[in-house]
Amino acid sequence: MKSSPPFILENFGIERSKPLESAAFFLLLVFLVTAPFQWGAVLPGGKLTIELFAFAIASMILVSRAPLRALRAVAVPLAALALLALLGAAQLLPLGAAAIDAVAPFSGDVYDETNAVLAAWGRAPVVARISIAPYETKSAALLVASYAALLASSVVLLQSRRRRRVFVGVVMLNAIAHSMWATASFGPRESGRISGPFVNPNHFAGWLEIALGLGFALLWREVLHNRERGRGAKDRAEKIERRMMPVSAAILAWGVVAIGIGLTKSRGGIAAAVAATFLVALIALMHQNLQRRARLAVAIGAGLLAAVALTALVARDEPVIRFLESDPREIGADTRVTLWRTSLDAWRLSPHTGTGLGTFREAYRHVQPRELKALVEQAHSDPLQLLVTAGWIGFALGAIAAISTLVILVRRWKSQPHREEGAFALGGLCAIACLLLHGLVEFNFSIPAIPATLACVTGMAIAAAMYGAEAEGERREAIGRQE
């Protein structure tokens, strides 16, 4: 029996023959655990931590000379993210009066007004740029580049099944621990809504949605493997035990994360989680290699219902009541519609290149209606926020990154011969779908810990979807030629 430390380390994806690559993998796991702290990394220190982790991991992979062939599969989303970061860099370039008037006349007017004030105080003028808040744009561009680095690093590092299992285990245990701690520790001051390590409960829900997708993957994996669990059992009791224990564990894991989302009472988060899970469950049943679809549909439906029942048992009717009541502490429904409408007005100020990544607050001030007496820092809609700050060019790049990733996952999943890897691909698909739906009414992608974690999980899902698919395709072609 092998019980030496090297063997134990190998079980956790640490390979002595690949020290730098293994160190990068370990650093990725550490990052996943620490990412949500400092209120979702919204403070400058948190953003810097994400960037340091991302670029350090990517650098270690390059130095280790790990094979990068897998990156060809994510060339389109990586290129889109890289171009979005480069757009942010271009928004920082000093431009002359003629150039700024041609490219971004609104930004030129802002700098003219600023220089007029500086001249009145005898100060030197500042050089005009597209970005009306250069520091915020620089920070946002670096974050986008770090997300691309994390996506690429995860695809490269998580090629093995062993590492993917460790990765998924760390993400799930981290989410479960935060859900349980937040549920146990919240008091009257939170008015019954948990927020975990985040300031806003809605963002805690967004971060948990990523783990919810992986929880669905674990449940679907156990449903697919359930009949095989009982083989070799001595009697019926042992057979039932072998089959029920793994499924029960998956239901419990999914249920605890779902409880956490329910207790955030985030209306957008709960609605997105329900819709995305239902959609991905339907997609899961459409795989070409599936047999006994009706039985599998009943099994996954029963598993999800059991998890929902567990959620209802703990959260009770509070999330439902939250849907039916208004909260005076939040932007009301009518005001939110006004915010979205005026965000479009802010976009029209600089429709092509935007006002600079991360500059929504500064751009919105110029169109904010008098009746909206609040400091508006976010659009409460990820697509609108990107449209205002990066123009239609940046919006198109963001859409390409999201849509191409979904297409890659669906196409690779359809040709994936392995059930576990197919389940993990669906988990990544579910996580992305949750956050895209939730992002229509929230600004989760402006909280750095959320897109950073999603980039890692997406990389894992793509690596899983790629696993063994090429070899299986070549095998089938060889069989076809023989026939």
Protein backbone atom coordinates (compact mmCIF):
# COMPACT_ATOMS: atom_id res chain seq x y z
CA MET A 1 0.00 0.00 0.00
CA LYS A 2 1.40 3.39 -1.05
CA SER A 3 1.23 5.97 1.70
CA SER A 4 4.38 8.00 1.22
CA PRO A 5 4.17 11.80 1.07
CA PRO A 6 5.03 11.90 -2.67
CA PHE A 7 2.10 9.62 -3.42
CA ILE A 8 -0.22 11.78 -1.31
CA LEU A 9 0.99 14.91 -3.09
CA GLU A 10 0.34 13.31 -6.47
CA ASN A 11 -3.23 12.65 -5.41
CA PHE A 12 -3.56 16.41 -4.97
CA GLY A 13 -2.13 17.16 -8.40
CA ILE A 14 1.40 18.02 -7.21
CA GLU A 15 3.89 16.24 -9.49
CA ARG A 16 7.58 16.05 -8.55
CA SER A 17 8.56 15.82 -12.22
CA LYS A 18 6.93 19.20 -12.90
CA PRO A 19 7.89 21.41 -9.95
CA LEU A 20 7.12 24.82 -11.46
CA GLU A 21 3.86 23.69 -13.03
CA SER A 22 2.82 22.06 -9.75
CA ALA A 23 3.72 25.23 -7.87
CA ALA A 24 1.55 27.21 -10.29
CA PHE A 25 -1.33 24.81 -9.67
CA PHE A 26 -0.91 25.16 -5.92
CA LEU A 27 -0.84 28.95 -6.28
CA LEU A 28 -4.08 28.75 -8.31
CA LEU A 29 -5.76 26.86 -5.45
CA VAL A 30 -4.53 29.44 -2.93
CA PHE A 31 -5.91 32.19 -5.14
CA LEU A 32 -9.34 30.55 -5.30
CA VAL A 33 -9.52 30.48 -1.50
CA THR A 34 -8.35 34.06 -0.98
CA ALA A 35 -10.10 35.78 -3.92
CA PRO A 36 -13.41 36.71 -2.19
CA PHE A 37 -11.76 38.44 0.74
CA GLN A 38 -11.43 42.21 1.08
CA TRP A 39 -15.09 42.54 0.08
CA GLY A 40 -14.65 40.80 -3.25
CA ALA A 41 -11.29 42.52 -3.95
CA VAL A 42 -12.97 45.88 -4.65
CA LEU A 43 -10.27 47.82 -2.79
CA PRO A 44 -6.96 48.67 -4.53
CA GLY A 45 -5.13 46.07 -2.44
CA GLY A 46 -7.56 43.36 -3.48
CA LYS A 47 -7.26 44.27 -7.16
CA LEU A 48 -3.47 44.23 -6.91
CA THR A 49 -3.61 40.81 -5.24
CA ILE A 50 -5.65 39.37 -8.11
CA GLU A 51 -3.25 40.82 -10.68
CA LEU A 52 -0.19 39.51 -8.85
CA PHE A 53 -1.66 36.02 -8.55
CA ALA A 54 -2.77 35.96 -12.19
CA PHE A 55 0.49 37.14 -13.73
CA ALA A 56 2.62 35.08 -11.33
CA ILE A 57 0.75 31.88 -12.23
CA ALA A 58 0.96 32.63 -15.95
CA SER A 59 4.69 33.42 -15.70
CA MET A 60 5.40 30.18 -13.85
CA ILE A 61 3.61 28.22 -16.56
CA LEU A 62 5.67 29.90 -19.28
CA VAL A 63 8.94 29.30 -17.45
CA SER A 64 8.02 25.66 -16.79
CA ARG A 65 7.58 25.17 -20.55
CA ALA A 66 4.28 23.40 -20.05
CA PRO A 67 2.61 22.50 -23.37
CA LEU A 68 0.37 25.33 -24.54
CA ARG A 69 -1.44 23.48 -27.33
CA ALA A 70 -4.68 23.55 -25.37
CA LEU A 71 -4.82 27.34 -25.70
CA ARG A 72 -5.79 26.97 -29.34
CA ALA A 73 -9.25 25.95 -28.17
CA VAL A 74 -9.74 29.26 -26.36
CA ALA A 75 -8.02 31.48 -28.92
CA VAL A 76 -11.16 33.52 -29.68
CA PRO A 77 -12.22 34.42 -26.11
CA LEU A 78 -8.59 35.04 -25.12
CA ALA A 79 -8.08 37.32 -28.11
CA ALA A 80 -11.31 39.20 -27.31
CA LEU A 81 -10.23 39.75 -23.69
CA ALA A 82 -6.73 40.79 -24.77
CA LEU A 83 -8.18 43.29 -27.26
CA LEU A 84 -10.50 44.65 -24.57
CA ALA A 85 -7.49 45.21 -22.29
CA LEU A 86 -5.64 46.85 -25.22
CA LEU A 87 -8.67 49.08 -25.80
CA GLY A 88 -8.31 50.23 -22.19
CA ALA A 89 -4.63 50.93 -22.83
CA ALA A 90 -5.52 52.89 -25.98
CA GLN A 91 -7.99 54.96 -23.95
CA LEU A 92 -4.99 56.14 -21.89
CA LEU A 93 -2.91 57.40 -24.83
CA PRO A 94 -2.36 61.18 -24.91
CA LEU A 95 -4.10 62.70 -27.92
CA GLY A 96 -3.90 66.07 -29.60
CA ALA A 97 -6.87 68.40 -29.89
CA ALA A 98 -7.71 67.33 -33.44
CA ALA A 99 -7.44 63.61 -32.65
CA ILE A 100 -9.54 63.75 -29.48
CA ASP A 101 -12.24 65.78 -31.26
CA ALA A 102 -12.36 63.18 -34.03
CA VAL A 103 -12.29 60.07 -31.84
CA ALA A 104 -14.02 61.11 -28.61
CA PRO A 105 -15.32 64.69 -28.66
CA PHE A 106 -17.05 64.33 -25.28
CA SER A 107 -13.76 63.43 -23.62
CA GLY A 108 -12.18 66.43 -25.35
CA ASP A 109 -14.85 68.72 -23.87
CA VAL A 110 -14.22 67.27 -20.39
CA TYR A 111 -10.50 67.96 -20.64
CA ASP A 112 -11.13 71.46 -22.04
CA GLU A 113 -13.31 72.27 -19.02
CA THR A 114 -10.73 70.77 -16.67
CA ASN A 115 -7.90 72.78 -18.21
CA ALA A 116 -9.96 75.97 -18.02
CA VAL A 117 -10.34 75.45 -14.26
CA LEU A 118 -6.62 74.62 -13.89
CA ALA A 119 -5.68 77.75 -15.85
CA ALA A 120 -7.80 79.89 -13.55
CA TRP A 121 -5.69 78.63 -10.64
CA GLY A 122 -2.43 78.98 -12.51
CA ARG A 123 -1.89 75.26 -12.92
CA ALA A 124 -0.44 73.47 -15.94
CA PRO A 125 -2.95 71.84 -18.30
CA VAL A 126 -3.39 68.06 -18.53
CA VAL A 127 -3.10 66.14 -21.77
CA ALA A 128 -6.41 64.97 -23.24
CA ARG A 129 -7.18 61.25 -23.41
CA ILE A 130 -10.22 59.17 -24.26
CA SER A 131 -10.49 58.11 -20.63
CA ILE A 132 -11.96 60.79 -18.38
CA ALA A 133 -10.54 59.00 -15.30
CA PRO A 134 -7.16 57.53 -16.33
CA TYR A 135 -6.38 55.86 -13.01
CA GLU A 136 -9.65 53.90 -13.05
CA THR A 137 -9.10 52.89 -16.67
CA LYS A 138 -5.57 51.66 -15.99
CA SER A 139 -6.83 49.57 -13.08
CA ALA A 140 -9.72 48.11 -15.12
CA ALA A 141 -7.49 47.27 -18.11
CA LEU A 142 -5.02 45.43 -15.87
CA LEU A 143 -7.88 43.46 -14.32
CA VAL A 144 -9.18 42.40 -17.75
CA ALA A 145 -5.67 41.24 -18.66
CA SER A 146 -5.47 39.30 -15.38
CA TYR A 147 -8.79 37.56 -16.17
CA ALA A 148 -7.37 36.48 -19.52
CA ALA A 149 -4.23 35.20 -17.78
CA LEU A 150 -6.30 33.20 -15.28
CA LEU A 151 -8.43 31.69 -18.05
CA ALA A 152 -5.37 30.63 -20.05
CA SER A 153 -3.55 29.34 -16.97
CA SER A 154 -6.52 27.23 -15.86
CA VAL A 155 -6.87 25.62 -19.29
CA VAL A 156 -3.19 24.66 -19.26
CA LEU A 157 -2.93 23.54 -15.62
CA LEU A 158 -6.15 21.52 -15.43
CA GLN A 159 -5.57 19.04 -18.23
CA SER A 160 -5.51 16.08 -15.83
CA ARG A 161 -8.58 14.57 -14.20
CA ARG A 162 -6.85 14.45 -10.82
CA ARG A 163 -6.17 18.18 -10.78
CA ARG A 164 -9.68 19.01 -11.92
CA ARG A 165 -11.14 17.01 -9.05
CA VAL A 166 -8.94 18.84 -6.54
CA PHE A 167 -9.85 22.17 -8.16
CA VAL A 168 -13.60 21.49 -8.02
CA GLY A 169 -13.29 20.26 -4.44
CA VAL A 170 -11.54 23.47 -3.37
CA VAL A 171 -14.13 25.71 -5.06
CA MET A 172 -17.05 23.78 -3.57
CA LEU A 173 -15.60 23.55 -0.05
CA ASN A 174 -14.77 27.25 -0.11
CA ALA A 175 -18.31 28.19 -1.15
CA ILE A 176 -19.88 25.79 1.36
CA ALA A 177 -17.70 27.15 4.18
CA HIS A 178 -18.62 30.75 3.38
CA SER A 179 -22.31 29.89 3.08
CA MET A 180 -22.35 28.11 6.43
CA TRP A 181 -20.28 30.77 8.21
CA ALA A 182 -22.40 33.62 6.83
CA THR A 183 -25.62 31.81 7.76
CA ALA A 184 -24.40 31.11 11.29
CA SER A 185 -22.97 34.56 11.97
CA PHE A 186 -25.36 37.12 10.47
CA GLY A 187 -27.39 39.21 12.93
CA PRO A 188 -30.20 41.79 13.02
CA ARG A 189 -27.99 44.50 11.51
CA GLU A 190 -28.02 42.65 8.19
CA SER A 191 -31.83 42.62 8.13
CA GLY A 192 -31.86 38.91 7.46
CA ARG A 193 -29.64 38.98 4.34
CA ILE A 194 -26.24 37.32 4.34
CA SER A 195 -23.33 38.82 2.40
CA GLY A 196 -20.38 36.62 3.41
CA PRO A 197 -17.04 38.25 2.57
CA PHE A 198 -18.77 40.75 0.24
CA VAL A 199 -20.32 44.11 1.08
CA ASN A 200 -23.45 43.51 -0.99
CA PRO A 201 -25.54 40.32 -0.59
CA ASN A 202 -26.28 40.42 -4.34
CA HIS A 203 -22.58 40.00 -5.09
CA PHE A 204 -22.26 37.16 -2.60
CA ALA A 205 -25.08 35.49 -4.54
CA GLY A 206 -23.18 36.10 -7.79
CA TRP A 207 -20.01 34.50 -6.41
CA LEU A 208 -21.98 31.51 -5.07
CA GLU A 209 -23.60 31.01 -8.48
CA ILE A 210 -20.22 29.86 -9.80
CA ALA A 211 -20.09 27.09 -7.19
CA LEU A 212 -23.76 26.30 -7.84
CA GLY A 213 -22.83 25.43 -11.42
CA LEU A 214 -20.14 23.05 -10.19
CA GLY A 215 -22.60 21.62 -7.67
CA PHE A 216 -24.90 20.77 -10.56
CA ALA A 217 -21.94 19.14 -12.32
CA LEU A 218 -21.26 16.92 -9.32
CA LEU A 219 -24.92 15.92 -9.08
CA TRP A 220 -25.15 15.12 -12.80
CA ARG A 221 -21.91 13.14 -12.59
CA GLU A 222 -23.33 10.99 -9.80
CA VAL A 223 -26.60 10.47 -11.65
CA LEU A 224 -24.69 9.19 -14.68
CA HIS A 225 -22.50 6.86 -12.62
CA ASN A 226 -25.16 5.77 -10.13
CA ARG A 227 -26.02 2.38 -11.64
CA GLU A 228 -22.38 1.36 -11.64
CA ARG A 229 -21.89 2.15 -7.96
CA GLY A 230 -23.78 -0.93 -6.82
CA ARG A 231 -21.83 -3.48 -8.84
CA GLY A 232 -20.09 -6.09 -6.75
CA ALA A 233 -22.20 -5.38 -3.65
CA LYS A 234 -22.72 -8.37 -1.34
CA ASP A 235 -26.38 -7.67 -0.65
CA ARG A 236 -29.18 -5.22 -1.40
CA ALA A 237 -28.43 -3.02 1.63
CA GLU A 238 -24.82 -2.55 0.58
CA LYS A 239 -25.91 -1.83 -2.99
CA ILE A 240 -28.32 0.89 -1.84
CA GLU A 241 -25.66 2.36 0.40
CA ARG A 242 -23.10 2.47 -2.38
CA ARG A 243 -25.55 4.15 -4.73
CA MET A 244 -27.15 6.59 -2.32
CA MET A 245 -24.14 7.95 -0.44
CA PRO A 246 -22.44 9.73 -3.38
CA VAL A 247 -25.75 11.12 -4.68
CA SER A 248 -26.70 12.33 -1.21
CA ALA A 249 -23.33 14.05 -0.84
CA ALA A 250 -23.79 15.82 -4.20
CA ILE A 251 -27.33 16.89 -3.26
CA LEU A 252 -26.06 18.21 0.06
CA ALA A 253 -23.23 20.18 -1.58
CA TRP A 254 -25.56 21.71 -4.18
CA GLY A 255 -28.19 22.37 -1.52
CA VAL A 256 -25.85 24.19 0.89
CA VAL A 257 -24.71 26.54 -1.89
CA ALA A 258 -28.34 27.03 -2.94
CA ILE A 259 -29.24 27.85 0.68
CA GLY A 260 -26.54 30.49 0.68
CA ILE A 261 -27.97 32.07 -2.48
CA GLY A 262 -31.47 31.89 -1.02
CA LEU A 263 -30.44 33.61 2.20
CA THR A 264 -28.83 36.48 0.30
CA LYS A 265 -32.41 37.16 -0.84
CA SER A 266 -31.02 38.45 -4.10
CA ARG A 267 -33.97 38.47 -6.46
CA GLY A 268 -31.80 38.59 -9.56
CA GLY A 269 -29.45 35.94 -8.19
CA ILE A 270 -32.21 33.50 -7.28
CA ALA A 271 -34.02 33.97 -10.59
CA ALA A 272 -30.78 33.53 -12.56
CA ALA A 273 -29.83 30.40 -10.59
CA VAL A 274 -33.23 28.78 -11.18
CA ALA A 275 -33.34 29.66 -14.87
CA ALA A 276 -29.75 28.63 -15.62
CA THR A 277 -30.00 25.33 -13.72
CA PHE A 278 -33.23 24.41 -15.49
CA LEU A 279 -31.73 25.31 -18.88
CA VAL A 280 -28.50 23.36 -18.33
CA ALA A 281 -30.45 20.36 -17.01
CA LEU A 282 -32.38 20.30 -20.29
CA ILE A 283 -29.15 20.59 -22.28
CA ALA A 284 -27.61 17.74 -20.25
CA LEU A 285 -30.38 15.39 -21.34
CA MET A 286 -29.68 16.13 -25.02
CA HIS A 287 -26.23 14.49 -25.20
CA GLN A 288 -25.98 12.09 -28.12
CA ASN A 289 -24.42 9.28 -26.04
CA LEU A 290 -27.14 9.20 -23.40
CA GLN A 291 -29.32 6.16 -22.95
CA ARG A 292 -32.45 5.84 -20.81
CA ARG A 293 -33.14 9.58 -21.08
CA ALA A 294 -36.47 9.37 -19.30
CA ARG A 295 -34.92 7.58 -16.32
CA LEU A 296 -32.07 10.08 -16.17
CA ALA A 297 -34.53 12.98 -16.39
CA VAL A 298 -36.43 11.59 -13.43
CA ALA A 299 -33.19 11.04 -11.50
CA ILE A 300 -31.80 14.55 -12.06
CA GLY A 301 -35.21 16.05 -11.40
CA ALA A 302 -35.52 14.13 -8.14
CA GLY A 303 -32.01 15.17 -7.12
CA LEU A 304 -32.68 18.84 -7.80
CA LEU A 305 -36.04 18.67 -6.01
CA ALA A 306 -34.34 17.13 -2.99
CA ALA A 307 -31.79 19.96 -2.99
CA VAL A 308 -34.57 22.54 -3.34
CA ALA A 309 -36.45 20.89 -0.46
CA LEU A 310 -33.30 21.15 1.67
CA THR A 311 -33.02 24.82 0.72
CA ALA A 312 -36.66 25.46 1.59
CA LEU A 313 -36.26 23.66 4.90
CA VAL A 314 -33.45 25.99 5.97
CA ALA A 315 -34.30 29.26 4.18
CA ARG A 316 -38.07 28.74 4.56
CA ASP A 317 -40.22 31.30 2.76
CA GLU A 318 -37.92 34.30 3.25
CA PRO A 319 -36.46 34.32 -0.31
CA VAL A 320 -39.99 34.11 -1.76
CA ILE A 321 -41.19 36.98 0.42
CA ARG A 322 -38.17 38.97 -0.73
CA PHE A 323 -39.41 38.63 -4.31
CA LEU A 324 -42.78 40.09 -3.38
CA GLU A 325 -41.69 43.08 -1.32
CA SER A 326 -39.80 46.26 -2.08
CA ASP A 327 -36.71 47.25 -0.16
CA PRO A 328 -36.43 50.99 0.53
CA ARG A 329 -32.67 50.66 1.01
CA GLU A 330 -32.14 49.67 -2.61
CA ILE A 331 -32.73 51.41 -5.89
CA GLY A 332 -36.41 50.87 -6.59
CA ALA A 333 -37.75 49.20 -9.68
CA ASP A 334 -38.85 52.46 -11.35
CA THR A 335 -35.59 54.21 -10.49
CA ARG A 336 -33.61 51.30 -11.82
CA VAL A 337 -35.39 51.59 -15.16
CA THR A 338 -34.53 55.30 -15.13
CA LEU A 339 -30.93 54.38 -14.40
CA TRP A 340 -30.82 52.01 -17.37
CA ARG A 341 -32.43 54.55 -19.68
CA THR A 342 -30.04 57.33 -18.68
CA SER A 343 -27.11 54.91 -18.97
CA LEU A 344 -27.95 54.74 -22.66
CA ASP A 345 -27.76 58.54 -22.69
CA ALA A 346 -24.31 58.27 -21.10
CA TRP A 347 -23.29 55.82 -23.84
CA ARG A 348 -24.36 58.29 -26.52
CA LEU A 349 -21.83 60.78 -25.14
CA SER A 350 -19.05 58.60 -26.60
CA PRO A 351 -20.65 55.74 -28.51
CA HIS A 352 -17.61 54.33 -30.30
CA THR A 353 -14.79 54.14 -27.77
CA GLY A 354 -16.61 54.87 -24.49
CA THR A 355 -15.36 57.16 -21.76
CA GLY A 356 -12.73 54.73 -20.44
CA LEU A 357 -12.91 51.36 -18.72
CA GLY A 358 -13.97 51.83 -15.10
CA THR A 359 -15.28 55.37 -15.61
CA PHE A 360 -19.04 54.80 -15.38
CA ARG A 361 -19.42 56.99 -12.28
CA GLU A 362 -17.71 59.96 -13.95
CA ALA A 363 -19.62 59.54 -17.24
CA TYR A 364 -23.01 59.15 -15.59
CA ARG A 365 -22.70 62.44 -13.70
CA HIS A 366 -23.16 64.30 -16.99
CA VAL A 367 -26.59 62.78 -17.63
CA GLN A 368 -27.85 62.07 -14.12
CA PRO A 369 -31.40 63.39 -13.70
CA ARG A 370 -32.09 65.85 -10.88
CA GLU A 371 -34.67 63.59 -9.25
CA LEU A 372 -32.09 60.82 -8.76
CA LYS A 373 -30.47 62.18 -5.61
CA ALA A 374 -27.73 59.61 -5.05
CA LEU A 375 -24.15 58.93 -6.04
CA VAL A 376 -24.53 56.46 -8.90
CA GLU A 377 -21.38 54.39 -9.27
CA GLN A 378 -22.70 51.41 -11.26
CA ALA A 379 -25.24 50.85 -14.02
CA HIS A 380 -26.78 47.82 -12.26
CA SER A 381 -26.40 46.08 -15.62
CA ASP A 382 -23.12 44.61 -16.80
CA PRO A 383 -23.87 45.03 -20.54
CA LEU A 384 -24.85 48.69 -20.12
CA GLN A 385 -21.82 49.39 -17.96
CA LEU A 386 -19.48 47.98 -20.61
CA LEU A 387 -21.33 49.91 -23.31
CA VAL A 388 -20.84 53.23 -21.48
CA THR A 389 -17.18 52.71 -20.58
CA ALA A 390 -15.91 50.92 -23.70
CA GLY A 391 -18.40 51.95 -26.39
CA TRP A 392 -19.83 49.58 -28.94
CA ILE A 393 -16.31 48.39 -29.76
CA GLY A 394 -15.68 47.16 -26.21
CA PHE A 395 -19.23 45.83 -25.94
CA ALA A 396 -18.67 43.77 -29.08
CA LEU A 397 -15.41 42.38 -27.69
CA GLY A 398 -17.12 41.43 -24.42
CA ALA A 399 -19.97 39.77 -26.31
CA ILE A 400 -17.51 37.84 -28.47
CA ALA A 401 -15.65 36.61 -25.38
CA ALA A 402 -18.85 35.43 -23.68
CA ILE A 403 -20.60 33.92 -26.71
CA SER A 404 -17.49 32.19 -28.07
CA THR A 405 -16.86 30.62 -24.65
CA LEU A 406 -20.41 29.28 -24.53
CA VAL A 407 -20.09 27.93 -28.06
CA ILE A 408 -16.77 26.24 -27.24
CA LEU A 409 -18.24 24.56 -24.16
CA VAL A 410 -21.38 23.35 -25.94
CA ARG A 411 -19.52 22.04 -29.01
CA ARG A 412 -16.83 20.31 -26.97
CA TRP A 413 -19.42 18.88 -24.58
CA LYS A 414 -21.37 17.36 -27.47
CA SER A 415 -18.29 15.43 -28.61
CA GLN A 416 -17.04 14.59 -25.11
CA PRO A 417 -17.07 10.79 -24.61
CA HIS A 418 -16.39 10.87 -20.85
CA ARG A 419 -19.24 11.40 -18.42
CA GLU A 420 -17.27 13.15 -15.69
CA GLU A 421 -15.65 15.60 -18.08
CA GLY A 422 -18.99 16.23 -19.77
CA ALA A 423 -20.51 17.00 -16.37
CA PHE A 424 -17.74 19.49 -15.54
CA ALA A 425 -18.23 21.19 -18.91
CA LEU A 426 -21.92 21.59 -18.08
CA GLY A 427 -20.95 22.98 -14.67
CA GLY A 428 -18.91 25.72 -16.31
CA LEU A 429 -21.76 26.39 -18.73
CA CYS A 430 -24.19 26.72 -15.82
CA ALA A 431 -21.89 29.12 -13.94
CA ILE A 432 -21.49 31.38 -16.98
CA ALA A 433 -25.22 31.31 -17.72
CA CYS A 434 -26.05 32.24 -14.11
CA LEU A 435 -23.77 35.26 -14.10
CA LEU A 436 -24.79 36.45 -17.57
CA LEU A 437 -28.48 36.34 -16.60
CA HIS A 438 -27.83 37.93 -13.20
CA GLY A 439 -25.64 40.55 -14.88
CA LEU A 440 -28.61 41.93 -16.77
CA VAL A 441 -29.79 43.54 -13.52
CA GLU A 442 -26.61 43.63 -11.42
CA PHE A 443 -22.91 44.58 -11.70
CA ASN A 444 -21.19 41.35 -10.65
CA PHE A 445 -18.47 41.73 -13.28
CA SER A 446 -17.38 44.97 -11.61
CA ILE A 447 -16.52 43.02 -8.43
CA PRO A 448 -13.06 41.63 -9.35
CA ALA A 449 -13.28 38.41 -7.31
CA ILE A 450 -16.31 37.23 -9.30
CA PRO A 451 -14.99 37.42 -12.91
CA ALA A 452 -11.57 36.22 -11.69
CA THR A 453 -13.08 33.10 -10.12
CA LEU A 454 -15.33 32.59 -13.14
CA ALA A 455 -12.29 32.74 -15.44
CA CYS A 456 -10.65 29.93 -13.47
CA VAL A 457 -13.79 27.77 -13.46
CA THR A 458 -14.33 28.42 -17.17
CA GLY A 459 -10.77 27.32 -17.89
CA MET A 460 -11.37 24.13 -15.90
CA ALA A 461 -14.61 23.45 -17.79
CA ILE A 462 -12.95 23.93 -21.18
CA ALA A 463 -10.02 21.72 -20.15
CA ALA A 464 -12.50 19.05 -19.08
CA ALA A 465 -14.50 19.36 -22.30
CA MET A 466 -11.29 18.88 -24.30
CA TYR A 467 -10.14 15.84 -22.30
CA GLY A 468 -9.85 12.77 -24.51
CA ALA A 469 -12.19 14.18 -27.14
CA GLU A 470 -9.55 14.28 -29.89
CA ALA A 471 -8.42 10.72 -29.17
CA GLU A 472 -12.00 9.49 -29.21
CA GLY A 473 -12.65 11.28 -32.49
CA GLU A 474 -9.60 9.66 -34.09
CA ARG A 475 -10.72 6.24 -32.79
CA ARG A 476 -14.16 6.64 -34.33
CA GLU A 477 -12.69 7.76 -37.65
CA ALA A 478 -10.42 4.69 -37.68
CA ILE A 479 -13.40 2.40 -37.01
CA GLY A 480 -15.32 4.12 -39.79
CA ARG A 481 -12.47 3.59 -42.27
CA GLN A 482 -12.25 -0.09 -41.32
CA GLU A 483 -15.97 -0.55 -41.91
